[in-house]
C-alpha atoms as a PDB file:
ATOM      1  CA  MET A   1       0.000   0.000   0.000  1.00  0.00           C
ATOM      2  CA  LYS A   2       1.586   3.292  -1.105  1.00  0.00           C
ATOM      3  CA  THR A   3       1.726   6.006   1.552  1.00  0.00           C
ATOM      4  CA  MET A   4       2.864   9.617   1.834  1.00  0.00           C
ATOM      5  CA  GLN A   5       6.519  10.028   0.963  1.00  0.00           C
ATOM      6  CA  LEU A   6       7.914  11.457   4.187  1.00  0.00           C
ATOM      7  CA  GLN A   7      11.640  11.660   4.848  1.00  0.00           C
ATOM      8  CA  GLN A   8      13.129  12.282   8.279  1.00  0.00           C
ATOM      9  CA  ILE A   9      14.083  15.919   8.840  1.00  0.00           C
ATOM     10  CA  ASP A  10      17.855  16.381   9.185  1.00  0.00           C
ATOM     11  CA  ARG A  11      19.003  16.461  12.812  1.00  0.00           C
ATOM     12  CA  VAL A  12      22.130  18.202  14.099  1.00  0.00           C
ATOM     13  CA  LYS A  13      23.357  18.524  17.694  1.00  0.00           C
ATOM     14  CA  THR A  14      24.133  22.228  17.250  1.00  0.00           C
ATOM     15  CA  ILE A  15      24.939  24.527  14.306  1.00  0.00           C
ATOM     16  CA  THR A  16      26.886  27.662  13.373  1.00  0.00           C
ATOM     17  CA  LYS A  17      25.194  30.621  11.721  1.00  0.00           C
ATOM     18  CA  GLU A  18      27.251  30.028   8.537  1.00  0.00           C
ATOM     19  CA  ASP A  19      26.280  26.358   8.293  1.00  0.00           C
ATOM     20  CA  PHE A  20      22.641  27.132   8.993  1.00  0.00           C
ATOM     21  CA  LEU A  21      22.488  29.776   6.236  1.00  0.00           C
ATOM     22  CA  LYS A  22      24.351  27.607   3.709  1.00  0.00           C
ATOM     23  CA  ASN A  23      22.754  24.204   4.366  1.00  0.00           C
ATOM     24  CA  TYR A  24      19.204  25.079   5.442  1.00  0.00           C
ATOM     25  CA  PHE A  25      18.146  28.688   4.898  1.00  0.00           C
ATOM     26  CA  LYS A  26      19.487  29.111   1.338  1.00  0.00           C
ATOM     27  CA  PRO A  27      18.073  25.780   0.051  1.00  0.00           C
ATOM     28  CA  GLN A  28      14.938  26.316   2.220  1.00  0.00           C
ATOM     29  CA  LYS A  29      15.233  22.937   3.918  1.00  0.00           C
ATOM     30  CA  PRO A  30      13.988  22.129   7.434  1.00  0.00           C
ATOM     31  CA  VAL A  31      16.293  21.016  10.249  1.00  0.00           C
ATOM     32  CA  VAL A  32      15.990  19.976  13.904  1.00  0.00           C
ATOM     33  CA  ILE A  33      18.753  21.388  16.141  1.00  0.00           C
ATOM     34  CA  GLU A  34      18.843  19.207  19.225  1.00  0.00           C
ATOM     35  CA  ARG A  35      21.005  21.029  21.778  1.00  0.00           C
ATOM     36  CA  PHE A  36      21.000  24.696  20.849  1.00  0.00           C
ATOM     37  CA  ILE A  37      19.340  26.284  23.902  1.00  0.00           C
ATOM     38  CA  GLU A  38      20.901  24.489  26.869  1.00  0.00           C
ATOM     39  CA  ASP A  39      22.368  27.750  28.190  1.00  0.00           C
ATOM     40  CA  TRP A  40      18.940  29.426  28.320  1.00  0.00           C
ATOM     41  CA  PRO A  41      17.288  29.576  31.782  1.00  0.00           C
ATOM     42  CA  ALA A  42      14.142  28.330  29.960  1.00  0.00           C
ATOM     43  CA  PHE A  43      15.877  25.033  29.153  1.00  0.00           C
ATOM     44  CA  LYS A  44      15.971  24.094  32.848  1.00  0.00           C
ATOM     45  CA  LYS A  45      12.934  26.021  34.091  1.00  0.00           C
ATOM     46  CA  TRP A  46      10.218  25.781  31.469  1.00  0.00           C
ATOM     47  CA  ASP A  47       7.773  22.974  32.070  1.00  0.00           C
ATOM     48  CA  LEU A  48       4.006  22.924  32.646  1.00  0.00           C
ATOM     49  CA  ASP A  49       4.343  23.400  36.414  1.00  0.00           C
ATOM     50  CA  TYR A  50       6.525  26.484  36.018  1.00  0.00           C
ATOM     51  CA  ILE A  51       4.106  28.061  33.522  1.00  0.00           C
ATOM     52  CA  ALA A  52       1.184  27.353  35.896  1.00  0.00           C
ATOM     53  CA  GLU A  53       3.151  29.044  38.683  1.00  0.00           C
ATOM     54  CA  VAL A  54       4.134  32.259  36.827  1.00  0.00           C
ATOM     55  CA  ALA A  55       1.001  32.610  34.667  1.00  0.00           C
ATOM     56  CA  GLY A  56      -1.603  30.780  36.774  1.00  0.00           C
ATOM     57  CA  ASP A  57      -4.142  33.623  36.929  1.00  0.00           C
ATOM     58  CA  VAL A  58      -3.917  34.633  33.269  1.00  0.00           C
ATOM     59  CA  MET A  59      -7.035  33.824  31.234  1.00  0.00           C
ATOM     60  CA  VAL A  60      -5.963  31.932  28.111  1.00  0.00           C
ATOM     61  CA  PRO A  61      -7.750  31.412  24.760  1.00  0.00           C
ATOM     62  CA  LEU A  62      -8.449  27.749  23.934  1.00  0.00           C
ATOM     63  CA  TYR A  63      -9.068  26.109  20.564  1.00  0.00           C
ATOM     64  CA  ASP A  64     -10.236  22.587  19.740  1.00  0.00           C
ATOM     65  CA  ASN A  65     -10.446  20.524  16.543  1.00  0.00           C
ATOM     66  CA  ARG A  66     -13.989  21.477  15.520  1.00  0.00           C
ATOM     67  CA  PRO A  67     -14.361  22.215  11.784  1.00  0.00           C
ATOM     68  CA  VAL A  68     -14.354  25.842  10.674  1.00  0.00           C
ATOM     69  CA  SER A  69     -17.804  27.418  10.784  1.00  0.00           C
ATOM     70  CA  HIS A  70     -18.971  30.545   8.967  1.00  0.00           C
ATOM     71  CA  LYS A  71     -19.940  31.941  12.394  1.00  0.00           C
ATOM     72  CA  ASP A  72     -16.345  31.896  13.662  1.00  0.00           C
ATOM     73  CA  GLY A  73     -14.348  35.088  13.484  1.00  0.00           C
ATOM     74  CA  PHE A  74     -10.736  34.897  12.307  1.00  0.00           C
ATOM     75  CA  ASN A  75      -8.771  32.984  14.995  1.00  0.00           C
ATOM     76  CA  GLU A  76     -11.620  33.342  17.507  1.00  0.00           C
ATOM     77  CA  PRO A  77     -11.164  31.050  20.541  1.00  0.00           C
ATOM     78  CA  HIS A  78     -13.662  28.287  21.401  1.00  0.00           C
ATOM     79  CA  ALA A  79     -13.255  28.669  25.180  1.00  0.00           C
ATOM     80  CA  THR A  80     -11.179  30.424  27.856  1.00  0.00           C
ATOM     81  CA  MET A  81      -9.853  29.345  31.256  1.00  0.00           C
ATOM     82  CA  LYS A  82      -7.146  30.257  33.750  1.00  0.00           C
ATOM     83  CA  MET A  83      -3.713  28.930  32.816  1.00  0.00           C
ATOM     84  CA  ARG A  84      -3.498  27.110  36.164  1.00  0.00           C
ATOM     85  CA  ASP A  85      -6.730  25.190  35.420  1.00  0.00           C
ATOM     86  CA  TYR A  86      -5.653  24.487  31.862  1.00  0.00           C
ATOM     87  CA  VAL A  87      -2.360  22.930  33.019  1.00  0.00           C
ATOM     88  CA  LYS A  88      -4.322  20.787  35.529  1.00  0.00           C
ATOM     89  CA  LEU A  89      -6.558  19.612  32.679  1.00  0.00           C
ATOM     90  CA  LEU A  90      -3.548  18.786  30.467  1.00  0.00           C
ATOM     91  CA  LYS A  91      -2.007  16.651  33.200  1.00  0.00           C
ATOM     92  CA  LYS A  92      -5.238  14.906  34.187  1.00  0.00           C
ATOM     93  CA  GLU A  93      -6.588  13.621  30.860  1.00  0.00           C
ATOM     94  CA  PRO A  94      -6.278  13.933  27.084  1.00  0.00           C
ATOM     95  CA  THR A  95      -7.976  17.150  25.957  1.00  0.00           C
ATOM     96  CA  LYS A  96      -8.575  18.590  22.501  1.00  0.00           C
ATOM     97  CA  TYR A  97      -8.082  22.108  23.846  1.00  0.00           C
ATOM     98  CA  ARG A  98      -4.957  23.853  22.570  1.00  0.00           C
ATOM     99  CA  ILE A  99      -3.510  27.325  23.018  1.00  0.00           C
ATOM    100  CA  PHE A 100      -1.943  28.868  19.956  1.00  0.00           C
ATOM    101  CA  LEU A 101      -0.446  32.247  19.076  1.00  0.00           C
ATOM    102  CA  TRP A 102      -0.306  33.291  22.736  1.00  0.00           C
ATOM    103  CA  ASN A 103       1.970  36.338  22.995  1.00  0.00           C
ATOM    104  CA  ILE A 104       4.003  35.839  26.161  1.00  0.00           C
ATOM    105  CA  LEU A 105       5.565  39.317  26.084  1.00  0.00           C
ATOM    106  CA  LYS A 106       2.186  40.925  26.619  1.00  0.00           C
ATOM    107  CA  GLU A 107       0.806  38.373  29.084  1.00  0.00           C
ATOM    108  CA  VAL A 108       3.789  37.385  31.268  1.00  0.00           C
ATOM    109  CA  PRO A 109       6.727  39.750  30.642  1.00  0.00           C
ATOM    110  CA  GLN A 110       8.949  37.962  33.190  1.00  0.00           C
ATOM    111  CA  LEU A 111       9.154  34.896  30.925  1.00  0.00           C
ATOM    112  CA  GLN A 112      11.144  37.021  28.490  1.00  0.00           C
ATOM    113  CA  LYS A 113      14.141  36.878  30.840  1.00  0.00           C
ATOM    114  CA  ASP A 114      14.322  33.103  30.322  1.00  0.00           C
ATOM    115  CA  PHE A 115      15.274  33.097  26.628  1.00  0.00           C
ATOM    116  CA  GLU A 116      17.184  35.101  24.048  1.00  0.00           C
ATOM    117  CA  TYR A 117      16.841  35.782  20.337  1.00  0.00           C
ATOM    118  CA  PRO A 118      19.489  33.548  18.744  1.00  0.00           C
ATOM    119  CA  ASP A 119      21.581  34.740  15.810  1.00  0.00           C
ATOM    120  CA  PHE A 120      20.775  32.470  12.873  1.00  0.00           C
ATOM    121  CA  GLY A 121      21.692  35.217  10.411  1.00  0.00           C
ATOM    122  CA  LEU A 122      18.026  36.235  10.015  1.00  0.00           C
ATOM    123  CA  LYS A 123      16.401  39.216  11.699  1.00  0.00           C
ATOM    124  CA  LEU A 124      13.921  37.764  14.206  1.00  0.00           C
ATOM    125  CA  MET A 125      10.772  39.755  15.028  1.00  0.00           C
ATOM    126  CA  LYS A 126      11.243  40.751  18.666  1.00  0.00           C
ATOM    127  CA  GLY A 127       7.598  41.564  19.399  1.00  0.00           C
ATOM    128  CA  LEU A 128       6.193  38.187  18.426  1.00  0.00           C
ATOM    129  CA  PRO A 129       7.368  35.280  20.564  1.00  0.00           C
ATOM    130  CA  MET A 130       4.309  33.008  20.521  1.00  0.00           C
ATOM    131  CA  LEU A 131       3.508  30.038  22.755  1.00  0.00           C
ATOM    132  CA  PHE A 132       1.541  26.924  21.729  1.00  0.00           C
ATOM    133  CA  PHE A 133       0.187  24.317  24.188  1.00  0.00           C
ATOM    134  CA  GLY A 134      -1.596  21.013  23.680  1.00  0.00           C
ATOM    135  CA  GLY A 135      -2.735  17.856  25.469  1.00  0.00           C
ATOM    136  CA  LYS A 136      -1.980  14.258  24.517  1.00  0.00           C
ATOM    137  CA  ASP A 137      -3.170  13.476  20.962  1.00  0.00           C
ATOM    138  CA  SER A 138      -4.410  17.020  20.310  1.00  0.00           C
ATOM    139  CA  TYR A 139      -3.206  18.373  16.971  1.00  0.00           C
ATOM    140  CA  THR A 140      -3.211  21.370  14.666  1.00  0.00           C
ATOM    141  CA  PHE A 141      -4.812  21.050  11.226  1.00  0.00           C
ATOM    142  CA  MET A 142      -2.313  21.017   8.356  1.00  0.00           C
ATOM    143  CA  HIS A 143      -1.787  24.722   7.602  1.00  0.00           C
ATOM    144  CA  TYR A 144       0.797  27.317   6.701  1.00  0.00           C
ATOM    145  CA  ASP A 145       1.257  30.721   8.313  1.00  0.00           C
ATOM    146  CA  ILE A 146      -0.442  33.774   6.824  1.00  0.00           C
ATOM    147  CA  ASP A 147       2.864  35.690   6.518  1.00  0.00           C
ATOM    148  CA  LEU A 148       4.887  32.753   5.093  1.00  0.00           C
ATOM    149  CA  ALA A 149       7.609  33.547   7.633  1.00  0.00           C
ATOM    150  CA  ASN A 150      10.775  31.601   8.458  1.00  0.00           C
ATOM    151  CA  ILE A 151       9.868  29.949  11.778  1.00  0.00           C
ATOM    152  CA  PHE A 152      12.070  28.683  14.606  1.00  0.00           C
ATOM    153  CA  HIS A 153       9.981  26.414  16.808  1.00  0.00           C
ATOM    154  CA  PHE A 154      11.450  25.705  20.267  1.00  0.00           C
ATOM    155  CA  HIS A 155       9.836  22.727  21.970  1.00  0.00           C
ATOM    156  CA  PHE A 156       9.477  22.388  25.756  1.00  0.00           C
ATOM    157  CA  HIS A 157       8.019  19.618  27.880  1.00  0.00           C
ATOM    158  CA  GLY A 158       7.025  16.274  26.392  1.00  0.00           C
ATOM    159  CA  LYS A 159       7.031  15.026  22.811  1.00  0.00           C
ATOM    160  CA  LYS A 160       5.486  16.254  19.599  1.00  0.00           C
ATOM    161  CA  GLU A 161       5.146  14.793  16.082  1.00  0.00           C
ATOM    162  CA  VAL A 162       5.656  17.146  13.128  1.00  0.00           C
ATOM    163  CA  ILE A 163       4.856  16.687   9.408  1.00  0.00           C
ATOM    164  CA  LEU A 164       5.933  19.348   6.898  1.00  0.00           C
ATOM    165  CA  PHE A 165       5.391  20.029   3.195  1.00  0.00           C
ATOM    166  CA  ASP A 166       6.672  22.867   1.045  1.00  0.00           C
ATOM    167  CA  GLN A 167       4.403  24.976  -1.182  1.00  0.00           C
ATOM    168  CA  ASN A 168       5.309  22.840  -4.237  1.00  0.00           C
ATOM    169  CA  GLN A 169       3.144  20.051  -2.778  1.00  0.00           C
ATOM    170  CA  ASN A 170      -0.090  22.112  -2.852  1.00  0.00           C
ATOM    171  CA  ASP A 171      -1.515  20.066  -5.735  1.00  0.00           C
ATOM    172  CA  TYR A 172      -1.653  16.907  -3.570  1.00  0.00           C
ATOM    173  CA  LEU A 173      -2.787  18.264  -0.202  1.00  0.00           C
ATOM    174  CA  TYR A 174      -6.505  19.050  -0.757  1.00  0.00           C
ATOM    175  CA  LYS A 175      -5.829  22.707  -0.061  1.00  0.00           C
ATOM    176  CA  ILE A 176      -8.933  24.766   0.734  1.00  0.00           C
ATOM    177  CA  PRO A 177      -9.194  27.786  -1.621  1.00  0.00           C
ATOM    178  CA  HIS A 178      -9.074  31.283  -0.068  1.00  0.00           C
ATOM    179  CA  SER A 179      -7.559  29.919   3.140  1.00  0.00           C
ATOM    180  CA  LEU A 180      -4.366  28.585   4.729  1.00  0.00           C
ATOM    181  CA  ILE A 181      -5.515  25.037   5.560  1.00  0.00           C
ATOM    182  CA  THR A 182      -6.125  21.667   3.925  1.00  0.00           C
ATOM    183  CA  ARG A 183      -9.336  19.666   4.361  1.00  0.00           C
ATOM    184  CA  GLU A 184      -9.883  19.403   8.111  1.00  0.00           C
ATOM    185  CA  ASP A 185     -11.208  15.840   7.904  1.00  0.00           C
ATOM    186  CA  ILE A 186      -7.813  14.480   6.792  1.00  0.00           C
ATOM    187  CA  ASP A 187      -5.971  12.727   9.618  1.00  0.00           C
ATOM    188  CA  PHE A 188      -2.327  13.329   8.628  1.00  0.00           C
ATOM    189  CA  HIS A 189      -1.172  11.069  11.454  1.00  0.00           C
ATOM    190  CA  ASN A 190      -3.010   8.138   9.857  1.00  0.00           C
ATOM    191  CA  PRO A 191      -4.513   9.165   6.480  1.00  0.00           C
ATOM    192  CA  ASP A 192      -7.232   7.245   4.643  1.00  0.00           C
ATOM    193  CA  TYR A 193      -5.622   6.892   1.187  1.00  0.00           C
ATOM    194  CA  GLY A 194      -8.806   5.416  -0.241  1.00  0.00           C
ATOM    195  CA  LYS A 195     -10.541   8.715   0.444  1.00  0.00           C
ATOM    196  CA  TRP A 196      -7.538  11.016  -0.166  1.00  0.00           C
ATOM    197  CA  PRO A 197      -5.506   9.269  -2.916  1.00  0.00           C
ATOM    198  CA  ALA A 198      -3.527  12.378  -3.923  1.00  0.00           C
ATOM    199  CA  LEU A 199      -1.684  12.300  -0.591  1.00  0.00           C
ATOM    200  CA  LYS A 200       0.288   9.309  -1.887  1.00  0.00           C
ATOM    201  CA  LYS A 201       2.058  11.696  -4.271  1.00  0.00           C
ATOM    202  CA  ALA A 202       2.870  14.268  -1.588  1.00  0.00           C
ATOM    203  CA  LYS A 203       6.569  14.504  -0.676  1.00  0.00           C
ATOM    204  CA  GLY A 204       7.267  15.880   2.763  1.00  0.00           C
ATOM    205  CA  TYR A 205       9.219  15.628   5.980  1.00  0.00           C
ATOM    206  CA  LYS A 206       8.620  14.305   9.464  1.00  0.00           C
ATOM    207  CA  ALA A 207      10.266  14.442  12.881  1.00  0.00           C
ATOM    208  CA  ASN A 208       9.540  14.025  16.573  1.00  0.00           C
ATOM    209  CA  LEU A 209      10.507  16.900  18.870  1.00  0.00           C
ATOM    210  CA  GLU A 210      11.569  16.628  22.508  1.00  0.00           C
ATOM    211  CA  HIS A 211      12.323  19.159  25.251  1.00  0.00           C
ATOM    212  CA  GLY A 212      14.971  21.640  24.083  1.00  0.00           C
ATOM    213  CA  ASN A 213      14.790  20.790  20.350  1.00  0.00           C
ATOM    214  CA  VAL A 214      14.562  23.630  17.827  1.00  0.00           C
ATOM    215  CA  LEU A 215      12.784  23.045  14.502  1.00  0.00           C
ATOM    216  CA  TYR A 216      13.487  25.391  11.589  1.00  0.00           C
ATOM    217  CA  MET A 217      10.516  25.597   9.189  1.00  0.00           C
ATOM    218  CA  PRO A 218      11.312  27.402   5.927  1.00  0.00           C
ATOM    219  CA  GLU A 219       9.097  30.063   4.342  1.00  0.00           C
ATOM    220  CA  GLY A 220       5.490  29.084   3.770  1.00  0.00           C
ATOM    221  CA  TYR A 221       5.971  25.452   4.828  1.00  0.00           C
ATOM    222  CA  TRP A 222       2.788  23.528   5.586  1.00  0.00           C
ATOM    223  CA  HIS A 223       2.898  22.068   9.100  1.00  0.00           C
ATOM    224  CA  TYR A 224       0.855  19.548  11.059  1.00  0.00           C
ATOM    225  CA  MET A 225       1.709  19.058  14.726  1.00  0.00           C
ATOM    226  CA  ARG A 226       0.413  16.416  17.097  1.00  0.00           C
ATOM    227  CA  TYR A 227       1.187  16.303  20.806  1.00  0.00           C
ATOM    228  CA  ILE A 228       2.332  12.777  21.684  1.00  0.00           C
ATOM    229  CA  THR A 229       2.309  13.891  25.344  1.00  0.00           C
ATOM    230  CA  PRO A 230       1.118  17.190  26.898  1.00  0.00           C
ATOM    231  CA  GLY A 231       3.582  19.980  26.213  1.00  0.00           C
ATOM    232  CA  PHE A 232       4.241  23.407  24.761  1.00  0.00           C
ATOM    233  CA  SER A 233       6.468  25.221  22.287  1.00  0.00           C
ATOM    234  CA  MET A 234       7.558  28.770  21.478  1.00  0.00           C
ATOM    235  CA  SER A 235       7.931  30.171  17.968  1.00  0.00           C
ATOM    236  CA  LEU A 236      10.164  33.016  16.822  1.00  0.00           C
ATOM    237  CA  ARG A 237       9.856  34.223  13.259  1.00  0.00           C
ATOM    238  CA  ALA A 238      11.724  36.134  10.559  1.00  0.00           C
ATOM    239  CA  ILE A 239      10.050  37.798   7.574  1.00  0.00           C
ATOM    240  CA  ALA A 240       9.981  35.898   4.262  1.00  0.00           C
ATOM    241  CA  ARG A 241      12.945  36.862   2.047  1.00  0.00           C
ATOM    242  CA  ASN A 242      11.777  35.312  -1.224  1.00  0.00           C
ATOM    243  CA  PRO A 243       9.946  38.108  -3.155  1.00  0.00           C
ATOM    244  CA  LYS A 244       7.253  35.667  -4.318  1.00  0.00           C
ATOM    245  CA  ASN A 245       6.533  34.600  -0.719  1.00  0.00           C
ATOM    246  CA  LEU A 246       6.576  38.197   0.453  1.00  0.00           C
ATOM    247  CA  ALA A 247       4.018  39.145  -2.202  1.00  0.00           C
ATOM    248  CA  LYS A 248       1.855  36.185  -1.194  1.00  0.00           C
ATOM    249  CA  ALA A 249       2.077  37.248   2.471  1.00  0.00           C
ATOM    250  CA  PHE A 250       0.866  40.777   1.630  1.00  0.00           C
ATOM    251  CA  TYR A 251      -1.965  39.318  -0.449  1.00  0.00           C
ATOM    252  CA  ASN A 252      -3.021  36.931   2.367  1.00  0.00           C
ATOM    253  CA  ILE A 253      -2.968  39.630   5.029  1.00  0.00           C
ATOM    254  CA  GLY A 254      -4.403  42.484   2.963  1.00  0.00           C
ATOM    255  CA  VAL A 255      -6.848  40.777   0.577  1.00  0.00           C
ATOM    256  CA  MET A 256      -7.507  37.059   1.055  1.00  0.00           C
ATOM    257  CA  ARG A 257      -8.406  37.246   4.737  1.00  0.00           C
ATOM    258  CA  TYR A 258     -10.967  40.040   4.216  1.00  0.00           C
ATOM    259  CA  TYR A 259     -12.439  38.456   1.084  1.00  0.00           C
ATOM    260  CA  ASP A 260     -12.986  35.208   3.002  1.00  0.00           C
ATOM    261  CA  GLN A 261     -14.624  37.068   5.912  1.00  0.00           C
ATOM    262  CA  LEU A 262     -16.909  38.924   3.522  1.00  0.00           C
ATOM    263  CA  MET A 263     -18.006  35.718   1.775  1.00  0.00           C
ATOM    264  CA  ARG A 264     -18.721  34.036   5.133  1.00  0.00           C
ATOM    265  CA  LYS A 265     -21.016  36.949   5.992  1.00  0.00           C
ATOM    266  CA  LEU A 266     -22.766  36.921   2.610  1.00  0.00           C
ATOM    267  CA  LYS A 267     -23.097  33.175   1.990  1.00  0.00           C
ATOM    268  CA  GLY A 268     -22.760  31.611   5.440  1.00  0.00           C
ATOM    269  CA  GLN A 269     -22.112  27.880   5.649  1.00  0.00           C
ATOM    270  CA  LYS A 270     -22.633  27.509   1.876  1.00  0.00           C
ATOM    271  CA  TRP A 271     -19.319  29.300   1.348  1.00  0.00           C
ATOM    272  CA  ILE A 272     -17.455  26.907   3.694  1.00  0.00           C
ATOM    273  CA  ASP A 273     -19.107  23.871   2.068  1.00  0.00           C
ATOM    274  CA  TRP A 274     -18.235  25.149  -1.436  1.00  0.00           C
ATOM    275  CA  LYS A 275     -14.593  25.630  -0.414  1.00  0.00           C
ATOM    276  CA  ASN A 276     -14.425  22.102   1.022  1.00  0.00           C
ATOM    277  CA  GLU A 277     -15.843  20.662  -2.218  1.00  0.00           C
ATOM    278  CA  GLN A 278     -13.449  22.722  -4.321  1.00  0.00           C
ATOM    279  CA  ALA A 279     -10.469  21.339  -2.393  1.00  0.00           C
ATOM    280  CA  VAL A 280     -11.376  17.860  -3.667  1.00  0.00           C
ATOM    281  CA  VAL A 281     -12.439  18.950  -7.180  1.00  0.00           C
ATOM    282  CA  ARG A 282      -9.251  20.946  -7.773  1.00  0.00           C
ATOM    283  CA  THR A 283      -6.924  18.282  -6.351  1.00  0.00           C
ATOM    284  CA  ASN A 284      -8.555  15.564  -8.481  1.00  0.00           C
ATOM    285  CA  LYS A 285      -8.308  17.752 -11.571  1.00  0.00           C
ATOM    286  CA  ARG A 286      -4.540  18.156 -11.041  1.00  0.00           C
ATOM    287  CA  LEU A 287      -4.157  14.409 -10.558  1.00  0.00           C
END
């Protein structure tokens, strides 16, 4: 039975700026750096208990795996709870609730003392360190980021499975038009190739991340992440350098997002259903 063509992401213990730029940034290839942040206070301190202690009273936005609805605003949370209670929930039982794009500078400034902005030869955006949390078996839909940034994903606490594709694989991924996601009913951890045959042609990458690992995701890479155990990660980003990706980022942020919102208002669920159908129609046509 043919399956997705996923190769293991390169792994290095540590890396110099020159080697990173030459071997990974220039060819736009992902890499896992295993022992890059061991001198950060965060490496020793950051686990779920520590976050519950320093941010326990902060109300956090929670998201689950429900399909997109026309009623949802852009990135609107499905629930909120205190960080302390959320950590308790993560440790007690598997939960679908995740936190994503949580800006720790705004919410808990003291956490900023625990890490630094490493010099990979790219200018990292200082105002946007984002945290992501999830419980056992919770996952993010396959998606790419609206700004097609270069992303450095620092994983803390537990284990996480990652699957990546570059933008050249769009024809095989059942991409939803006017959005940044693939069909939400595809389980990338265990896909049904009878239902989604095009996935067999998709060429991508996979890796498991553990505490202290750093994953570099090149510009516009599709990513699916599943928490094998409860845990959290932090992302730092650098603007896309490729002019084509930069243009696409401006289009996504300035046009696509508002067009999609407008159509949801005008057509409601019909618009979402049409987009889901088109993902299949267009992928089959390219096959």
